[in-house]
Protein backbone atom coordinates (compact mmCIF):
# COMPACT_ATOMS: atom_id res chain seq x y z
CA MET A 1 -9.68 -3.15 5.75
CA SER A 2 -7.77 -4.99 3.03
CA GLY A 3 -5.53 -3.22 0.54
CA THR A 4 -6.37 -5.44 -2.46
CA ASN A 5 -9.08 -3.19 -3.95
CA ARG A 6 -8.09 0.09 -5.59
CA LEU A 7 -11.43 1.71 -4.65
CA ASN A 8 -10.51 1.50 -0.93
CA ILE A 9 -7.28 3.48 -1.34
CA LYS A 10 -7.07 7.26 -1.69
CA PRO A 11 -4.18 9.73 -1.43
CA GLY A 12 -3.82 10.98 2.15
CA LEU A 13 -4.93 7.66 3.67
CA PRO A 14 -2.74 6.11 6.42
CA VAL A 15 -1.74 2.55 5.43
CA MET A 16 0.61 -0.31 6.27
CA ILE A 17 2.68 -1.50 3.29
CA VAL A 18 5.25 -4.21 2.67
CA LEU A 19 8.36 -2.95 0.86
CA LYS A 20 10.00 -5.07 -1.86
CA LYS A 21 13.00 -5.77 0.41
CA ASP A 22 10.64 -6.90 3.22
CA GLN A 23 8.46 -9.28 1.20
CA ARG A 24 10.16 -12.40 2.61
CA SER A 25 10.11 -11.23 6.23
CA GLY A 26 6.69 -9.56 6.01
CA ASN A 27 7.82 -6.45 7.91
CA LEU A 28 5.27 -3.67 7.50
CA THR A 29 5.98 0.04 7.05
CA GLN A 30 3.43 2.66 8.07
CA GLY A 31 2.88 5.78 6.04
CA VAL A 32 0.48 8.05 4.17
CA VAL A 33 -0.43 7.39 0.52
CA LYS A 34 0.90 9.97 -1.94
CA ASP A 35 0.32 8.15 -5.28
CA ILE A 36 -1.47 4.98 -6.36
CA LEU A 37 0.76 3.08 -8.80
CA THR A 38 -1.39 0.03 -9.64
CA LYS A 39 -3.79 0.70 -12.52
CA SER A 40 -5.99 -2.41 -12.20
CA PRO A 41 -9.03 -2.29 -9.86
CA HIS A 42 -7.87 -5.37 -7.89
CA HIS A 43 -4.51 -7.02 -7.10
CA SER A 44 -4.25 -10.16 -5.00
CA HIS A 45 -0.95 -9.10 -3.32
CA GLY A 46 -2.10 -5.55 -2.59
CA ILE A 47 -2.31 -2.29 -4.50
CA LYS A 48 1.12 -0.73 -5.11
CA VAL A 49 1.46 2.81 -3.72
CA ARG A 50 4.09 5.48 -3.11
CA LEU A 51 4.10 6.95 0.38
CA GLU A 52 4.72 10.62 1.16
CA SER A 53 8.17 9.49 2.39
CA GLY A 54 8.95 8.21 -1.13
CA GLU A 55 8.86 4.51 -0.22
CA VAL A 56 7.03 2.17 -2.63
CA GLY A 57 5.24 -1.01 -1.63
CA ARG A 58 2.01 -2.98 -1.63
CA VAL A 59 -0.80 -2.13 0.78
CA LYS A 60 -1.41 -4.88 3.31
CA GLU A 61 -3.85 -3.01 5.53
CA ILE A 62 -5.58 0.33 5.77
CA CYS A 63 -5.24 2.08 9.15
CA THR A 64 -8.36 3.64 10.61
């Protein structure tokens, strides 16, 4: 599932995000959503979240 719609993302959900420092390389980081930082219902590059580990990035995919 894509991470571009805010409705799809909830705290406690396992996701793959791209960190700011990894945007060029596209390296993904796996984690669990703690907070949703993007206020708009849709973002073309992915909804920005904070993981439970404290890392912040945009959701590229939702793990199932």
